[in-house]
């Protein structure tokens, strides 16, 4: 199951990369990083609330850098 999930994730990201014009790759990377942090936080904390707070903090940092 784990291998299938990982393979599917790579396939989805590869498709996104193929469909995204070069000038939007930075935006795509920002979204993927934010979502990766949220997924990681959710898997570690097992709570949606903590994951949501971490995601919001990451989004704020990303916006500050823009």
N, C-alpha and C. Protein backbone atom coordinates (compact mmCIF):
# COMPACT_ATOMS: atom_id res chain seq x y z
N UNK A 1 0.82 -1.19 0.00
CA UNK A 1 0.00 0.00 0.00
C UNK A 1 0.87 1.26 0.00
N UNK A 2 1.89 1.30 0.87
CA UNK A 2 2.75 2.48 0.96
C UNK A 2 3.41 2.78 -0.38
N UNK A 3 3.92 1.75 -1.03
CA UNK A 3 4.60 1.94 -2.32
C UNK A 3 3.64 2.50 -3.36
N UNK A 4 2.41 2.03 -3.35
CA UNK A 4 1.40 2.52 -4.31
C UNK A 4 1.09 4.00 -4.06
N UNK A 5 0.96 4.37 -2.80
CA UNK A 5 0.69 5.77 -2.45
C UNK A 5 1.83 6.66 -2.93
N UNK A 6 3.05 6.24 -2.67
CA UNK A 6 4.22 7.03 -3.08
C UNK A 6 4.29 7.13 -4.60
N UNK A 7 4.10 6.01 -5.28
CA UNK A 7 4.13 6.03 -6.75
C UNK A 7 3.05 6.94 -7.32
N UNK A 8 1.84 6.86 -6.76
CA UNK A 8 0.74 7.72 -7.22
C UNK A 8 1.07 9.19 -7.00
N UNK A 9 1.67 9.50 -5.85
CA UNK A 9 2.04 10.89 -5.56
C UNK A 9 3.06 11.40 -6.58
N UNK A 10 4.06 10.59 -6.88
CA UNK A 10 5.04 11.00 -7.89
C UNK A 10 4.37 11.22 -9.24
N UNK A 11 3.45 10.35 -9.62
CA UNK A 11 2.75 10.49 -10.90
C UNK A 11 1.94 11.78 -10.96
N UNK A 12 1.23 12.09 -9.88
CA UNK A 12 0.43 13.32 -9.84
C UNK A 12 1.33 14.54 -9.96
N UNK A 13 2.43 14.55 -9.22
CA UNK A 13 3.34 15.69 -9.26
C UNK A 13 4.00 15.82 -10.63
N UNK A 14 4.38 14.69 -11.23
CA UNK A 14 4.94 14.74 -12.58
C UNK A 14 3.95 15.33 -13.57
N UNK A 15 2.69 14.94 -13.47
CA UNK A 15 1.65 15.50 -14.34
C UNK A 15 1.52 17.01 -14.13
N UNK A 16 1.52 17.44 -12.87
CA UNK A 16 1.44 18.87 -12.58
C UNK A 16 2.62 19.63 -13.19
N UNK A 17 3.81 19.07 -13.05
CA UNK A 17 4.99 19.71 -13.60
C UNK A 17 4.90 19.82 -15.12
N UNK A 18 4.41 18.78 -15.76
CA UNK A 18 4.27 18.79 -17.22
C UNK A 18 3.26 19.84 -17.69
N UNK A 19 2.24 20.09 -16.89
CA UNK A 19 1.16 21.00 -17.28
C UNK A 19 1.41 22.45 -16.87
N UNK A 20 2.39 22.67 -16.02
CA UNK A 20 2.62 24.01 -15.48
C UNK A 20 3.66 24.76 -16.30
N UNK A 21 3.30 25.94 -16.81
CA UNK A 21 4.29 26.74 -17.52
C UNK A 21 5.45 27.13 -16.59
N UNK A 22 6.62 27.30 -17.17
CA UNK A 22 7.82 27.61 -16.38
C UNK A 22 7.64 28.80 -15.46
N UNK A 23 6.91 29.83 -15.91
CA UNK A 23 6.78 31.03 -15.08
C UNK A 23 5.94 30.80 -13.83
N UNK A 24 5.24 29.66 -13.75
CA UNK A 24 4.42 29.36 -12.57
C UNK A 24 4.99 28.23 -11.71
N UNK A 25 6.17 27.76 -12.06
CA UNK A 25 6.76 26.65 -11.29
C UNK A 25 7.05 27.05 -9.84
N UNK A 26 7.46 28.28 -9.61
CA UNK A 26 7.70 28.75 -8.25
C UNK A 26 6.42 28.73 -7.42
N UNK A 27 5.31 29.15 -8.03
CA UNK A 27 4.02 29.12 -7.34
C UNK A 27 3.61 27.69 -7.02
N UNK A 28 3.82 26.80 -7.99
CA UNK A 28 3.50 25.39 -7.77
C UNK A 28 4.35 24.83 -6.63
N UNK A 29 5.62 25.17 -6.62
CA UNK A 29 6.51 24.69 -5.56
C UNK A 29 6.05 25.19 -4.19
N UNK A 30 5.63 26.46 -4.12
CA UNK A 30 5.14 27.00 -2.85
C UNK A 30 3.94 26.21 -2.34
N UNK A 31 2.99 25.94 -3.23
CA UNK A 31 1.79 25.18 -2.84
C UNK A 31 2.16 23.77 -2.40
N UNK A 32 3.04 23.12 -3.14
CA UNK A 32 3.43 21.76 -2.78
C UNK A 32 4.15 21.71 -1.44
N UNK A 33 5.00 22.69 -1.19
CA UNK A 33 5.70 22.73 0.10
C UNK A 33 4.71 22.94 1.24
N UNK A 34 3.79 23.87 1.05
CA UNK A 34 2.79 24.13 2.10
C UNK A 34 1.96 22.89 2.38
N UNK A 35 1.54 22.22 1.33
CA UNK A 35 0.72 21.02 1.53
C UNK A 35 1.53 19.89 2.14
N UNK A 36 2.80 19.79 1.76
CA UNK A 36 3.65 18.75 2.34
C UNK A 36 3.82 18.97 3.84
N UNK A 37 4.00 20.22 4.23
CA UNK A 37 4.12 20.53 5.66
C UNK A 37 2.83 20.18 6.39
N UNK A 38 1.69 20.52 5.80
CA UNK A 38 0.40 20.22 6.43
C UNK A 38 0.19 18.71 6.56
N UNK A 39 0.52 17.98 5.51
CA UNK A 39 0.36 16.52 5.55
C UNK A 39 1.28 15.92 6.61
N UNK A 40 2.52 16.40 6.64
CA UNK A 40 3.48 15.88 7.61
C UNK A 40 3.02 16.17 9.04
N UNK A 41 2.58 17.39 9.27
CA UNK A 41 2.10 17.76 10.61
C UNK A 41 0.91 16.91 11.01
N UNK A 42 0.00 16.72 10.09
CA UNK A 42 -1.19 15.91 10.39
C UNK A 42 -0.80 14.47 10.71
N UNK A 43 0.16 13.93 9.97
CA UNK A 43 0.55 12.54 10.22
C UNK A 43 1.27 12.38 11.55
N UNK A 44 1.98 13.42 11.97
CA UNK A 44 2.73 13.35 13.23
C UNK A 44 1.87 13.67 14.45
N UNK A 45 0.96 14.62 14.30
CA UNK A 45 0.19 15.06 15.46
C UNK A 45 -1.14 14.34 15.60
N UNK A 46 -1.62 13.79 14.50
CA UNK A 46 -2.91 13.08 14.46
C UNK A 46 -4.07 14.01 14.77
N UNK A 47 -3.83 15.32 14.69
CA UNK A 47 -4.92 16.27 14.92
C UNK A 47 -4.97 17.28 13.80
N UNK A 48 -6.14 17.56 13.34
CA UNK A 48 -6.34 18.52 12.26
C UNK A 48 -6.03 19.94 12.73
N UNK A 49 -6.34 20.25 13.98
CA UNK A 49 -6.16 21.60 14.50
C UNK A 49 -4.69 22.02 14.46
N UNK A 50 -3.82 21.17 14.95
CA UNK A 50 -2.39 21.50 14.96
C UNK A 50 -1.88 21.61 13.53
N UNK A 51 -2.27 20.69 12.68
CA UNK A 51 -1.84 20.72 11.29
C UNK A 51 -2.29 22.00 10.61
N UNK A 52 -3.51 22.43 10.88
CA UNK A 52 -4.04 23.66 10.29
C UNK A 52 -3.24 24.87 10.76
N UNK A 53 -2.88 24.92 12.04
CA UNK A 53 -2.10 26.05 12.55
C UNK A 53 -0.71 26.08 11.92
N UNK A 54 -0.11 24.91 11.75
CA UNK A 54 1.21 24.86 11.13
C UNK A 54 1.12 25.30 9.67
N UNK A 55 0.09 24.84 8.96
CA UNK A 55 -0.08 25.24 7.57
C UNK A 55 -0.26 26.76 7.46
N UNK A 56 -1.06 27.34 8.32
CA UNK A 56 -1.26 28.79 8.29
C UNK A 56 0.04 29.54 8.54
N UNK A 57 0.85 29.04 9.46
CA UNK A 57 2.14 29.67 9.75
C UNK A 57 3.06 29.60 8.53
N UNK A 58 3.08 28.46 7.86
CA UNK A 58 3.91 28.30 6.67
C UNK A 58 3.41 29.23 5.56
N UNK A 59 2.09 29.33 5.40
CA UNK A 59 1.55 30.21 4.37
C UNK A 59 1.90 31.67 4.67
N UNK A 60 1.85 32.06 5.92
CA UNK A 60 2.23 33.43 6.29
C UNK A 60 3.69 33.69 5.97
N UNK A 61 4.55 32.73 6.27
CA UNK A 61 5.97 32.89 5.94
C UNK A 61 6.16 33.01 4.43
N UNK A 62 5.46 32.18 3.68
CA UNK A 62 5.57 32.23 2.22
C UNK A 62 5.10 33.58 1.69
N UNK A 63 4.02 34.10 2.25
CA UNK A 63 3.51 35.40 1.81
C UNK A 63 4.47 36.53 2.18
N UNK A 64 5.13 36.41 3.32
CA UNK A 64 6.10 37.42 3.73
C UNK A 64 7.30 37.45 2.78
N UNK A 65 7.63 36.31 2.21
CA UNK A 65 8.78 36.21 1.32
C UNK A 65 8.44 36.67 -0.08
N UNK A 66 7.15 36.75 -0.40
CA UNK A 66 6.73 37.14 -1.76
C UNK A 66 6.84 38.62 -1.99
